[in-house]
N, C-alpha and C. Protein backbone atom coordinates (compact mmCIF):
# COMPACT_ATOMS: atom_id res chain seq x y z
N MET A 1 5.27 20.10 -11.62
CA MET A 1 5.38 18.81 -10.95
C MET A 1 5.27 19.00 -9.44
N ILE A 2 4.46 18.17 -8.79
CA ILE A 2 4.31 18.25 -7.33
C ILE A 2 5.31 17.26 -6.70
N GLU A 3 6.19 17.77 -5.85
CA GLU A 3 7.17 16.92 -5.17
C GLU A 3 6.55 16.30 -3.91
N TYR A 4 5.89 17.14 -3.12
CA TYR A 4 5.20 16.62 -1.93
C TYR A 4 4.06 17.56 -1.57
N ILE A 5 3.13 17.04 -0.78
CA ILE A 5 2.03 17.85 -0.24
C ILE A 5 2.08 17.73 1.28
N ARG A 6 2.13 18.89 1.94
CA ARG A 6 2.13 18.89 3.40
C ARG A 6 0.91 19.65 3.88
N GLY A 7 0.22 19.09 4.86
CA GLY A 7 -0.95 19.77 5.38
C GLY A 7 -1.65 18.93 6.43
N GLU A 8 -2.86 19.33 6.76
CA GLU A 8 -3.63 18.62 7.78
C GLU A 8 -4.30 17.39 7.15
N LEU A 9 -4.21 16.27 7.86
CA LEU A 9 -4.86 15.05 7.39
C LEU A 9 -6.35 15.16 7.72
N ALA A 10 -7.15 15.48 6.69
CA ALA A 10 -8.59 15.69 6.90
C ALA A 10 -9.32 14.37 7.00
N GLU A 11 -8.84 13.37 6.27
CA GLU A 11 -9.52 12.08 6.22
C GLU A 11 -8.51 11.03 5.78
N ALA A 12 -8.65 9.81 6.30
CA ALA A 12 -7.75 8.73 5.87
C ALA A 12 -8.46 7.39 5.91
N THR A 13 -8.34 6.64 4.84
CA THR A 13 -8.78 5.24 4.79
C THR A 13 -7.55 4.45 4.37
N PRO A 14 -7.60 3.12 4.44
CA PRO A 14 -6.41 2.35 4.03
C PRO A 14 -6.01 2.50 2.56
N THR A 15 -6.85 3.17 1.74
CA THR A 15 -6.49 3.34 0.33
C THR A 15 -6.43 4.80 -0.11
N MET A 16 -6.93 5.72 0.71
CA MET A 16 -7.02 7.12 0.30
C MET A 16 -6.80 8.06 1.47
N ALA A 17 -6.06 9.14 1.21
CA ALA A 17 -5.88 10.19 2.21
C ALA A 17 -6.34 11.51 1.60
N VAL A 18 -7.03 12.32 2.39
CA VAL A 18 -7.38 13.67 1.97
C VAL A 18 -6.55 14.63 2.81
N VAL A 19 -5.68 15.38 2.15
CA VAL A 19 -4.80 16.32 2.85
C VAL A 19 -5.26 17.74 2.54
N ASP A 20 -5.58 18.48 3.61
CA ASP A 20 -6.01 19.87 3.48
C ASP A 20 -4.76 20.75 3.48
N CYS A 21 -4.49 21.32 2.31
CA CYS A 21 -3.31 22.18 2.16
C CYS A 21 -3.79 23.58 1.77
N ASN A 22 -3.75 24.51 2.71
CA ASN A 22 -4.21 25.89 2.48
C ASN A 22 -5.64 25.95 1.94
N GLY A 23 -6.51 25.12 2.52
CA GLY A 23 -7.92 25.17 2.15
C GLY A 23 -8.30 24.32 0.95
N VAL A 24 -7.32 23.67 0.32
CA VAL A 24 -7.60 22.77 -0.81
C VAL A 24 -7.42 21.34 -0.33
N GLY A 25 -8.44 20.50 -0.51
CA GLY A 25 -8.35 19.10 -0.09
C GLY A 25 -7.87 18.23 -1.24
N TYR A 26 -6.68 17.67 -1.11
CA TYR A 26 -6.13 16.80 -2.14
C TYR A 26 -6.48 15.34 -1.82
N GLY A 27 -7.17 14.67 -2.74
CA GLY A 27 -7.44 13.24 -2.60
C GLY A 27 -6.26 12.46 -3.15
N ILE A 28 -5.60 11.72 -2.29
CA ILE A 28 -4.35 11.06 -2.67
C ILE A 28 -4.46 9.56 -2.43
N ASN A 29 -4.18 8.78 -3.46
CA ASN A 29 -4.16 7.32 -3.33
C ASN A 29 -2.93 6.90 -2.54
N ILE A 30 -3.14 6.04 -1.54
CA ILE A 30 -2.02 5.61 -0.70
C ILE A 30 -2.01 4.09 -0.57
N SER A 31 -0.86 3.58 -0.15
CA SER A 31 -0.74 2.14 0.14
C SER A 31 -1.06 1.91 1.60
N LEU A 32 -1.20 0.66 1.96
CA LEU A 32 -1.45 0.30 3.35
C LEU A 32 -0.28 0.68 4.25
N ASN A 33 0.94 0.59 3.71
CA ASN A 33 2.13 0.99 4.48
C ASN A 33 2.09 2.48 4.84
N THR A 34 1.71 3.30 3.87
CA THR A 34 1.62 4.73 4.13
C THR A 34 0.49 5.02 5.11
N TYR A 35 -0.64 4.32 4.96
CA TYR A 35 -1.75 4.50 5.90
C TYR A 35 -1.30 4.20 7.32
N SER A 36 -0.53 3.12 7.50
CA SER A 36 -0.02 2.77 8.84
C SER A 36 0.83 3.89 9.41
N ALA A 37 1.60 4.54 8.54
CA ALA A 37 2.52 5.58 9.00
C ALA A 37 1.81 6.89 9.35
N ILE A 38 0.69 7.19 8.66
CA ILE A 38 0.08 8.52 8.83
C ILE A 38 -1.25 8.54 9.56
N SER A 39 -1.89 7.37 9.76
CA SER A 39 -3.28 7.36 10.23
C SER A 39 -3.48 8.04 11.58
N LYS A 40 -2.46 8.10 12.42
CA LYS A 40 -2.60 8.72 13.75
C LYS A 40 -2.12 10.17 13.78
N LEU A 41 -1.65 10.69 12.65
CA LEU A 41 -1.07 12.03 12.62
C LEU A 41 -2.11 13.09 12.28
N LYS A 42 -1.86 14.32 12.75
CA LYS A 42 -2.73 15.44 12.37
C LYS A 42 -2.15 16.13 11.14
N GLU A 43 -0.84 16.35 11.17
CA GLU A 43 -0.15 16.98 10.03
C GLU A 43 0.65 15.90 9.31
N VAL A 44 0.56 15.89 8.00
CA VAL A 44 1.29 14.87 7.23
C VAL A 44 2.05 15.51 6.07
N LYS A 45 3.06 14.77 5.62
CA LYS A 45 3.81 15.16 4.42
C LYS A 45 3.88 13.92 3.55
N LEU A 46 3.27 14.00 2.37
CA LEU A 46 3.27 12.86 1.46
C LEU A 46 4.05 13.21 0.20
N TYR A 47 4.98 12.32 -0.16
CA TYR A 47 5.73 12.47 -1.40
C TYR A 47 4.83 11.99 -2.54
N ILE A 48 4.76 12.78 -3.60
CA ILE A 48 3.71 12.59 -4.61
C ILE A 48 4.26 12.04 -5.93
N TYR A 49 3.43 11.19 -6.53
CA TYR A 49 3.61 10.82 -7.94
C TYR A 49 2.32 11.20 -8.65
N GLU A 50 2.43 11.97 -9.74
CA GLU A 50 1.25 12.39 -10.50
C GLU A 50 1.07 11.49 -11.71
N ALA A 51 -0.07 10.83 -11.80
CA ALA A 51 -0.40 10.01 -12.98
C ALA A 51 -1.39 10.82 -13.82
N ILE A 52 -0.90 11.37 -14.91
CA ILE A 52 -1.74 12.22 -15.76
C ILE A 52 -2.07 11.46 -17.04
N ARG A 53 -3.37 11.20 -17.21
CA ARG A 53 -3.85 10.51 -18.41
C ARG A 53 -4.90 11.38 -19.08
N GLU A 54 -5.34 10.96 -20.27
CA GLU A 54 -6.37 11.73 -20.98
C GLU A 54 -7.66 11.84 -20.16
N ASP A 55 -8.00 10.75 -19.47
CA ASP A 55 -9.29 10.71 -18.78
C ASP A 55 -9.20 10.91 -17.27
N ALA A 56 -8.00 11.09 -16.74
CA ALA A 56 -7.88 11.20 -15.28
C ALA A 56 -6.58 11.89 -14.87
N TYR A 57 -6.65 12.51 -13.70
CA TYR A 57 -5.46 13.11 -13.07
C TYR A 57 -5.43 12.54 -11.65
N VAL A 58 -4.52 11.61 -11.42
CA VAL A 58 -4.52 10.85 -10.17
C VAL A 58 -3.23 11.11 -9.40
N LEU A 59 -3.38 11.33 -8.09
CA LEU A 59 -2.21 11.51 -7.23
C LEU A 59 -1.99 10.26 -6.39
N PHE A 60 -0.74 9.81 -6.34
CA PHE A 60 -0.35 8.73 -5.44
C PHE A 60 0.60 9.35 -4.41
N GLY A 61 0.38 9.02 -3.13
CA GLY A 61 1.21 9.60 -2.08
C GLY A 61 1.91 8.54 -1.25
N PHE A 62 3.09 8.90 -0.74
CA PHE A 62 3.93 7.95 -0.01
C PHE A 62 4.55 8.63 1.20
N SER A 63 4.61 7.90 2.31
CA SER A 63 5.15 8.49 3.54
C SER A 63 6.67 8.62 3.50
N THR A 64 7.32 7.83 2.63
CA THR A 64 8.79 7.91 2.51
C THR A 64 9.19 8.01 1.04
N THR A 65 10.37 8.57 0.80
CA THR A 65 10.88 8.65 -0.57
C THR A 65 11.23 7.27 -1.09
N LEU A 66 11.61 6.35 -0.18
CA LEU A 66 11.94 4.98 -0.60
C LEU A 66 10.71 4.30 -1.18
N GLU A 67 9.57 4.44 -0.51
CA GLU A 67 8.36 3.80 -1.02
C GLU A 67 7.98 4.39 -2.38
N ARG A 68 8.13 5.71 -2.52
CA ARG A 68 7.82 6.32 -3.82
C ARG A 68 8.78 5.80 -4.90
N GLU A 69 10.03 5.67 -4.56
CA GLU A 69 11.02 5.17 -5.53
C GLU A 69 10.68 3.75 -5.95
N LEU A 70 10.28 2.91 -4.99
CA LEU A 70 9.89 1.53 -5.33
C LEU A 70 8.65 1.54 -6.23
N PHE A 71 7.71 2.44 -5.95
CA PHE A 71 6.51 2.56 -6.78
C PHE A 71 6.91 2.92 -8.23
N LEU A 72 7.81 3.90 -8.36
CA LEU A 72 8.27 4.32 -9.69
C LEU A 72 8.97 3.18 -10.42
N GLN A 73 9.76 2.41 -9.67
CA GLN A 73 10.44 1.26 -10.29
C GLN A 73 9.42 0.23 -10.74
N LEU A 74 8.42 -0.03 -9.91
CA LEU A 74 7.39 -1.03 -10.24
C LEU A 74 6.61 -0.63 -11.50
N ILE A 75 6.21 0.65 -11.60
CA ILE A 75 5.41 1.03 -12.77
C ILE A 75 6.26 1.13 -14.04
N SER A 76 7.58 1.06 -13.90
CA SER A 76 8.44 1.02 -15.09
C SER A 76 8.46 -0.38 -15.71
N VAL A 77 7.97 -1.37 -14.97
CA VAL A 77 7.92 -2.75 -15.47
C VAL A 77 6.69 -2.90 -16.37
N PRO A 78 6.87 -3.41 -17.62
CA PRO A 78 5.71 -3.59 -18.50
C PRO A 78 4.63 -4.44 -17.84
N GLY A 79 3.39 -3.96 -17.92
CA GLY A 79 2.26 -4.70 -17.34
C GLY A 79 1.91 -4.30 -15.93
N ILE A 80 2.72 -3.43 -15.32
CA ILE A 80 2.43 -2.97 -13.95
C ILE A 80 1.99 -1.51 -14.00
N GLY A 81 0.75 -1.27 -13.62
CA GLY A 81 0.23 0.10 -13.56
C GLY A 81 0.20 0.59 -12.12
N GLY A 82 -0.35 1.77 -11.93
CA GLY A 82 -0.40 2.36 -10.59
C GLY A 82 -1.17 1.51 -9.59
N ALA A 83 -2.30 0.94 -10.03
CA ALA A 83 -3.12 0.13 -9.12
C ALA A 83 -2.38 -1.13 -8.68
N SER A 84 -1.70 -1.79 -9.62
CA SER A 84 -0.95 -3.01 -9.29
C SER A 84 0.24 -2.69 -8.38
N ALA A 85 0.92 -1.58 -8.66
CA ALA A 85 2.07 -1.18 -7.84
C ALA A 85 1.61 -0.88 -6.41
N ARG A 86 0.46 -0.19 -6.29
CA ARG A 86 -0.07 0.11 -4.95
C ARG A 86 -0.46 -1.18 -4.23
N MET A 87 -1.04 -2.13 -4.97
CA MET A 87 -1.41 -3.42 -4.37
C MET A 87 -0.18 -4.13 -3.81
N ILE A 88 0.92 -4.12 -4.59
CA ILE A 88 2.17 -4.76 -4.14
C ILE A 88 2.68 -4.06 -2.88
N LEU A 89 2.64 -2.72 -2.87
CA LEU A 89 3.15 -1.97 -1.72
C LEU A 89 2.18 -1.98 -0.54
N SER A 90 0.97 -2.49 -0.74
CA SER A 90 0.05 -2.69 0.39
C SER A 90 0.24 -4.07 1.00
N ALA A 91 0.56 -5.04 0.14
CA ALA A 91 0.75 -6.41 0.62
C ALA A 91 2.12 -6.60 1.27
N LEU A 92 3.11 -5.83 0.81
CA LEU A 92 4.48 -5.98 1.29
C LEU A 92 5.04 -4.63 1.73
N SER A 93 5.82 -4.62 2.80
CA SER A 93 6.49 -3.39 3.20
C SER A 93 7.64 -3.14 2.22
N PRO A 94 8.16 -1.90 2.13
CA PRO A 94 9.31 -1.66 1.26
C PRO A 94 10.48 -2.60 1.56
N LYS A 95 10.72 -2.86 2.84
CA LYS A 95 11.82 -3.76 3.22
C LYS A 95 11.56 -5.17 2.69
N GLU A 96 10.32 -5.67 2.87
CA GLU A 96 9.98 -7.01 2.39
C GLU A 96 10.12 -7.11 0.88
N LEU A 97 9.65 -6.07 0.18
CA LEU A 97 9.71 -6.08 -1.28
C LEU A 97 11.15 -6.09 -1.78
N CYS A 98 11.99 -5.26 -1.17
CA CYS A 98 13.42 -5.24 -1.53
C CYS A 98 14.05 -6.61 -1.32
N THR A 99 13.72 -7.24 -0.18
CA THR A 99 14.29 -8.55 0.15
C THR A 99 13.81 -9.61 -0.84
N ILE A 100 12.51 -9.61 -1.15
CA ILE A 100 11.95 -10.59 -2.09
C ILE A 100 12.59 -10.47 -3.46
N ILE A 101 12.76 -9.23 -3.93
CA ILE A 101 13.38 -9.03 -5.25
C ILE A 101 14.85 -9.43 -5.21
N ALA A 102 15.56 -9.03 -4.14
CA ALA A 102 16.98 -9.37 -4.03
C ALA A 102 17.19 -10.89 -3.97
N GLN A 103 16.27 -11.59 -3.30
CA GLN A 103 16.40 -13.05 -3.17
C GLN A 103 15.71 -13.81 -4.30
N GLU A 104 15.15 -13.05 -5.25
CA GLU A 104 14.46 -13.65 -6.41
C GLU A 104 13.37 -14.63 -5.98
N ASP A 105 12.59 -14.22 -5.00
CA ASP A 105 11.55 -15.09 -4.45
C ASP A 105 10.24 -14.90 -5.24
N VAL A 106 10.16 -15.55 -6.39
CA VAL A 106 9.00 -15.44 -7.27
C VAL A 106 7.73 -15.91 -6.57
N LYS A 107 7.84 -16.98 -5.79
CA LYS A 107 6.68 -17.59 -5.13
C LYS A 107 5.98 -16.59 -4.21
N LEU A 108 6.75 -15.87 -3.41
CA LEU A 108 6.16 -14.88 -2.50
C LEU A 108 5.56 -13.70 -3.26
N LEU A 109 6.24 -13.26 -4.31
CA LEU A 109 5.78 -12.10 -5.06
C LEU A 109 4.46 -12.39 -5.78
N LYS A 110 4.31 -13.61 -6.28
CA LYS A 110 3.07 -13.89 -7.03
C LYS A 110 1.89 -14.20 -6.10
N MET A 111 2.11 -14.15 -4.78
CA MET A 111 1.01 -14.27 -3.84
C MET A 111 0.18 -12.97 -3.79
N VAL A 112 0.74 -11.88 -4.31
CA VAL A 112 0.02 -10.60 -4.35
C VAL A 112 -1.07 -10.69 -5.41
N LYS A 113 -2.27 -10.20 -5.07
CA LYS A 113 -3.41 -10.26 -6.00
C LYS A 113 -3.06 -9.58 -7.33
N GLY A 114 -3.34 -10.28 -8.44
CA GLY A 114 -3.13 -9.72 -9.77
C GLY A 114 -1.73 -9.90 -10.31
N ILE A 115 -0.83 -10.50 -9.53
CA ILE A 115 0.54 -10.73 -9.99
C ILE A 115 0.71 -12.21 -10.30
N GLY A 116 0.83 -12.53 -11.58
CA GLY A 116 1.03 -13.91 -11.99
C GLY A 116 2.51 -14.26 -12.06
N LEU A 117 2.78 -15.48 -12.45
CA LEU A 117 4.16 -15.98 -12.49
C LEU A 117 5.04 -15.14 -13.42
N LYS A 118 4.56 -14.89 -14.64
CA LYS A 118 5.38 -14.14 -15.62
C LYS A 118 5.64 -12.72 -15.16
N THR A 119 4.62 -12.08 -14.59
CA THR A 119 4.79 -10.71 -14.10
C THR A 119 5.78 -10.67 -12.93
N ALA A 120 5.66 -11.63 -12.02
CA ALA A 120 6.58 -11.70 -10.87
C ALA A 120 8.02 -11.88 -11.35
N GLN A 121 8.20 -12.77 -12.32
CA GLN A 121 9.54 -12.99 -12.88
C GLN A 121 10.07 -11.73 -13.54
N ARG A 122 9.19 -11.03 -14.26
CA ARG A 122 9.60 -9.81 -14.96
C ARG A 122 10.01 -8.72 -13.97
N ILE A 123 9.24 -8.59 -12.87
CA ILE A 123 9.58 -7.60 -11.83
C ILE A 123 10.98 -7.87 -11.29
N ILE A 124 11.25 -9.14 -10.99
CA ILE A 124 12.55 -9.51 -10.42
C ILE A 124 13.68 -9.26 -11.41
N VAL A 125 13.49 -9.67 -12.66
CA VAL A 125 14.53 -9.48 -13.68
C VAL A 125 14.80 -7.99 -13.90
N ASP A 126 13.72 -7.20 -14.04
CA ASP A 126 13.88 -5.78 -14.34
C ASP A 126 14.42 -4.96 -13.17
N LEU A 127 14.07 -5.36 -11.94
CA LEU A 127 14.35 -4.49 -10.80
C LEU A 127 15.46 -4.96 -9.86
N LYS A 128 15.98 -6.16 -10.06
CA LYS A 128 16.95 -6.69 -9.10
C LYS A 128 18.14 -5.74 -8.90
N ASP A 129 18.75 -5.30 -9.98
CA ASP A 129 19.92 -4.41 -9.87
C ASP A 129 19.53 -3.03 -9.33
N LYS A 130 18.37 -2.53 -9.76
CA LYS A 130 17.92 -1.20 -9.32
C LYS A 130 17.61 -1.19 -7.82
N VAL A 131 16.95 -2.24 -7.34
CA VAL A 131 16.59 -2.33 -5.91
C VAL A 131 17.83 -2.49 -5.05
N ALA A 132 18.81 -3.24 -5.54
CA ALA A 132 20.06 -3.42 -4.79
C ALA A 132 20.75 -2.07 -4.58
N ALA A 133 20.61 -1.18 -5.56
CA ALA A 133 21.24 0.15 -5.45
C ALA A 133 20.49 1.07 -4.48
N LEU A 134 19.21 0.77 -4.24
CA LEU A 134 18.40 1.64 -3.38
C LEU A 134 18.76 1.53 -1.91
N GLY A 135 18.88 0.29 -1.41
CA GLY A 135 19.03 0.07 0.02
C GLY A 135 17.72 0.41 0.71
N PHE A 136 17.62 0.11 1.98
CA PHE A 136 16.41 0.47 2.72
C PHE A 136 16.74 0.58 4.19
N ASP A 137 15.90 1.35 4.89
CA ASP A 137 16.08 1.59 6.32
C ASP A 137 15.12 0.71 7.09
N ALA A 138 15.64 -0.37 7.67
CA ALA A 138 14.78 -1.30 8.42
C ALA A 138 14.13 -0.62 9.61
N GLY A 139 14.75 0.44 10.10
CA GLY A 139 14.21 1.14 11.26
C GLY A 139 12.95 1.94 10.95
N SER A 140 12.63 2.11 9.67
CA SER A 140 11.46 2.90 9.32
C SER A 140 10.17 2.08 9.34
N GLU A 141 10.30 0.78 9.64
CA GLU A 141 9.10 -0.06 9.70
C GLU A 141 8.31 0.28 10.97
N GLU A 142 7.04 0.56 10.80
CA GLU A 142 6.22 0.88 11.97
C GLU A 142 4.91 0.13 11.92
N LYS A 143 4.41 -0.16 13.10
CA LYS A 143 3.12 -0.84 13.19
C LYS A 143 2.24 0.00 14.11
N VAL A 144 1.12 0.44 13.61
CA VAL A 144 0.19 1.23 14.40
C VAL A 144 -0.96 0.34 14.84
N VAL A 145 -1.17 0.24 16.15
CA VAL A 145 -2.29 -0.55 16.65
C VAL A 145 -3.43 0.40 17.00
N LEU A 146 -4.54 0.25 16.32
CA LEU A 146 -5.68 1.14 16.56
C LEU A 146 -6.50 0.64 17.74
N PRO A 147 -6.88 1.54 18.64
CA PRO A 147 -7.67 1.12 19.80
C PRO A 147 -9.15 1.01 19.45
N SER A 148 -9.47 0.55 18.25
CA SER A 148 -10.86 0.46 17.80
C SER A 148 -11.47 -0.86 18.23
N ALA A 149 -12.78 -0.88 18.25
CA ALA A 149 -13.49 -2.12 18.54
C ALA A 149 -13.34 -3.07 17.37
N SER A 150 -13.46 -4.35 17.65
CA SER A 150 -13.31 -5.38 16.63
C SER A 150 -14.27 -5.18 15.46
N LYS A 151 -15.49 -4.75 15.75
CA LYS A 151 -16.50 -4.54 14.70
C LYS A 151 -16.07 -3.45 13.73
N GLU A 152 -15.52 -2.35 14.26
CA GLU A 152 -15.05 -1.25 13.41
C GLU A 152 -13.92 -1.72 12.52
N ILE A 153 -12.98 -2.48 13.09
CA ILE A 153 -11.84 -3.01 12.33
C ILE A 153 -12.35 -3.94 11.23
N HIS A 154 -13.30 -4.79 11.60
CA HIS A 154 -13.91 -5.73 10.66
C HIS A 154 -14.50 -4.97 9.46
N ASP A 155 -15.33 -3.95 9.74
CA ASP A 155 -16.00 -3.20 8.68
C ASP A 155 -15.01 -2.42 7.81
N GLU A 156 -14.03 -1.78 8.48
CA GLU A 156 -13.05 -0.97 7.74
C GLU A 156 -12.16 -1.86 6.85
N ALA A 157 -11.79 -3.02 7.36
CA ALA A 157 -10.95 -3.94 6.57
C ALA A 157 -11.69 -4.41 5.33
N ILE A 158 -12.97 -4.77 5.49
CA ILE A 158 -13.76 -5.24 4.34
C ILE A 158 -13.94 -4.11 3.33
N ALA A 159 -14.20 -2.90 3.82
CA ALA A 159 -14.37 -1.74 2.92
C ALA A 159 -13.09 -1.49 2.13
N ALA A 160 -11.94 -1.57 2.80
CA ALA A 160 -10.66 -1.35 2.12
C ALA A 160 -10.38 -2.42 1.08
N LEU A 161 -10.65 -3.68 1.41
CA LEU A 161 -10.43 -4.77 0.46
C LEU A 161 -11.34 -4.62 -0.75
N THR A 162 -12.56 -4.17 -0.52
CA THR A 162 -13.50 -3.93 -1.63
C THR A 162 -12.97 -2.83 -2.54
N MET A 163 -12.44 -1.75 -1.93
CA MET A 163 -11.87 -0.65 -2.72
C MET A 163 -10.65 -1.11 -3.51
N LEU A 164 -9.93 -2.10 -2.99
CA LEU A 164 -8.75 -2.63 -3.69
C LEU A 164 -9.13 -3.62 -4.79
N GLY A 165 -10.45 -3.91 -4.92
CA GLY A 165 -10.89 -4.74 -6.04
C GLY A 165 -11.33 -6.15 -5.70
N PHE A 166 -11.39 -6.48 -4.41
CA PHE A 166 -11.83 -7.82 -4.01
C PHE A 166 -13.34 -7.84 -3.83
N ALA A 167 -13.96 -8.98 -4.09
CA ALA A 167 -15.40 -9.13 -3.87
C ALA A 167 -15.69 -9.10 -2.37
N THR A 168 -16.87 -8.61 -2.01
CA THR A 168 -17.22 -8.43 -0.59
C THR A 168 -17.32 -9.75 0.16
N ALA A 169 -18.00 -10.75 -0.42
CA ALA A 169 -18.23 -12.01 0.30
C ALA A 169 -16.93 -12.73 0.69
N PRO A 170 -16.00 -12.98 -0.27
CA PRO A 170 -14.75 -13.63 0.12
C PRO A 170 -13.93 -12.78 1.10
N SER A 171 -13.97 -11.44 0.92
CA SER A 171 -13.24 -10.54 1.83
C SER A 171 -13.76 -10.70 3.26
N ALA A 172 -15.10 -10.71 3.40
CA ALA A 172 -15.71 -10.84 4.73
C ALA A 172 -15.34 -12.17 5.37
N LYS A 173 -15.34 -13.23 4.57
CA LYS A 173 -15.01 -14.57 5.09
C LYS A 173 -13.58 -14.60 5.64
N VAL A 174 -12.64 -14.03 4.86
CA VAL A 174 -11.23 -14.03 5.28
C VAL A 174 -11.02 -13.14 6.51
N VAL A 175 -11.64 -11.95 6.51
CA VAL A 175 -11.51 -11.02 7.64
C VAL A 175 -12.08 -11.65 8.92
N ASN A 176 -13.23 -12.32 8.80
CA ASN A 176 -13.82 -13.00 9.95
C ASN A 176 -12.87 -14.04 10.52
N ALA A 177 -12.26 -14.82 9.61
CA ALA A 177 -11.33 -15.88 10.05
C ALA A 177 -10.12 -15.29 10.77
N ILE A 178 -9.60 -14.18 10.23
CA ILE A 178 -8.42 -13.55 10.83
C ILE A 178 -8.75 -12.99 12.22
N LEU A 179 -9.90 -12.32 12.33
CA LEU A 179 -10.27 -11.73 13.63
C LEU A 179 -10.66 -12.80 14.65
N LYS A 180 -11.10 -13.95 14.16
CA LYS A 180 -11.39 -15.07 15.07
C LYS A 180 -10.10 -15.60 15.69
N GLU A 181 -9.03 -15.59 14.88
CA GLU A 181 -7.72 -16.04 15.35
C GLU A 181 -7.11 -15.05 16.34
N ASP A 182 -7.28 -13.74 16.04
CA ASP A 182 -6.71 -12.71 16.92
C ASP A 182 -7.53 -11.43 16.80
N ALA A 183 -8.38 -11.19 17.75
CA ALA A 183 -9.29 -10.03 17.72
C ALA A 183 -8.59 -8.72 18.08
N THR A 184 -7.32 -8.79 18.51
CA THR A 184 -6.60 -7.58 18.91
C THR A 184 -5.82 -6.94 17.77
N LEU A 185 -5.87 -7.54 16.58
CA LEU A 185 -5.09 -7.01 15.45
C LEU A 185 -5.59 -5.64 15.02
N SER A 186 -4.65 -4.81 14.53
CA SER A 186 -5.02 -3.51 13.97
C SER A 186 -5.63 -3.74 12.59
N VAL A 187 -6.33 -2.73 12.08
CA VAL A 187 -6.96 -2.86 10.76
C VAL A 187 -5.90 -3.09 9.67
N GLU A 188 -4.72 -2.45 9.82
CA GLU A 188 -3.66 -2.62 8.82
C GLU A 188 -3.18 -4.07 8.77
N LYS A 189 -3.02 -4.66 9.97
CA LYS A 189 -2.55 -6.06 10.02
C LYS A 189 -3.60 -7.00 9.45
N VAL A 190 -4.87 -6.72 9.75
CA VAL A 190 -5.95 -7.56 9.22
C VAL A 190 -5.94 -7.52 7.70
N ILE A 191 -5.81 -6.31 7.14
CA ILE A 191 -5.81 -6.17 5.67
C ILE A 191 -4.59 -6.85 5.07
N LYS A 192 -3.43 -6.68 5.69
CA LYS A 192 -2.21 -7.32 5.17
C LYS A 192 -2.36 -8.84 5.15
N LEU A 193 -2.89 -9.39 6.24
CA LEU A 193 -3.08 -10.84 6.29
C LEU A 193 -4.11 -11.29 5.25
N ALA A 194 -5.16 -10.48 5.09
CA ALA A 194 -6.20 -10.82 4.12
C ALA A 194 -5.66 -10.80 2.70
N LEU A 195 -4.79 -9.82 2.39
CA LEU A 195 -4.20 -9.73 1.05
C LEU A 195 -3.38 -10.97 0.71
N LYS A 196 -2.82 -11.61 1.74
CA LYS A 196 -2.02 -12.82 1.50
C LYS A 196 -2.89 -14.06 1.37
N ARG A 197 -4.13 -13.98 1.86
CA ARG A 197 -5.02 -15.16 1.82
C ARG A 197 -6.01 -15.14 0.67
N LEU A 198 -6.34 -13.95 0.19
CA LEU A 198 -7.37 -13.86 -0.87
C LEU A 198 -6.80 -14.27 -2.23
């Protein structure tokens, strides 16, 4: 079992990180929150969850143990797989997710792509007591503002949304609208806002 991988961040997109550890490049699926935390770093440490299936061996990585714990709790809910759990953790920070579950805010939870009313209710019922026991560190919330040009942010945001399963045309429309409102936003903020509008 892999507990964590530490090494040089060879490549990072809002959905995937490649960590070079002693000459081996590990492709690790990440959430938008983890991308925000690591995108500016040279050396990274990601806490790992290994999803081993007959047809695939997939690594999910998290910048904090809290985010990994929330991921594990989410995939324990019937109907929530790794992709859906990552989508939830990309749309919401760990703090926001804990608060939503604690306050039983079904409406906010079902705004996440692929989460319907019944699934949102099931997440809250199954995880309310477990999340209350976790607690969270509000001080760990970070926002990275990339000094990239608006065009680069636009292209990267659309590429990330496409990788997360959204169609290109609606993604482009939403990203354009967001950047029209505020062209100074980082790519992470653009994607987060887009996830709430798509």
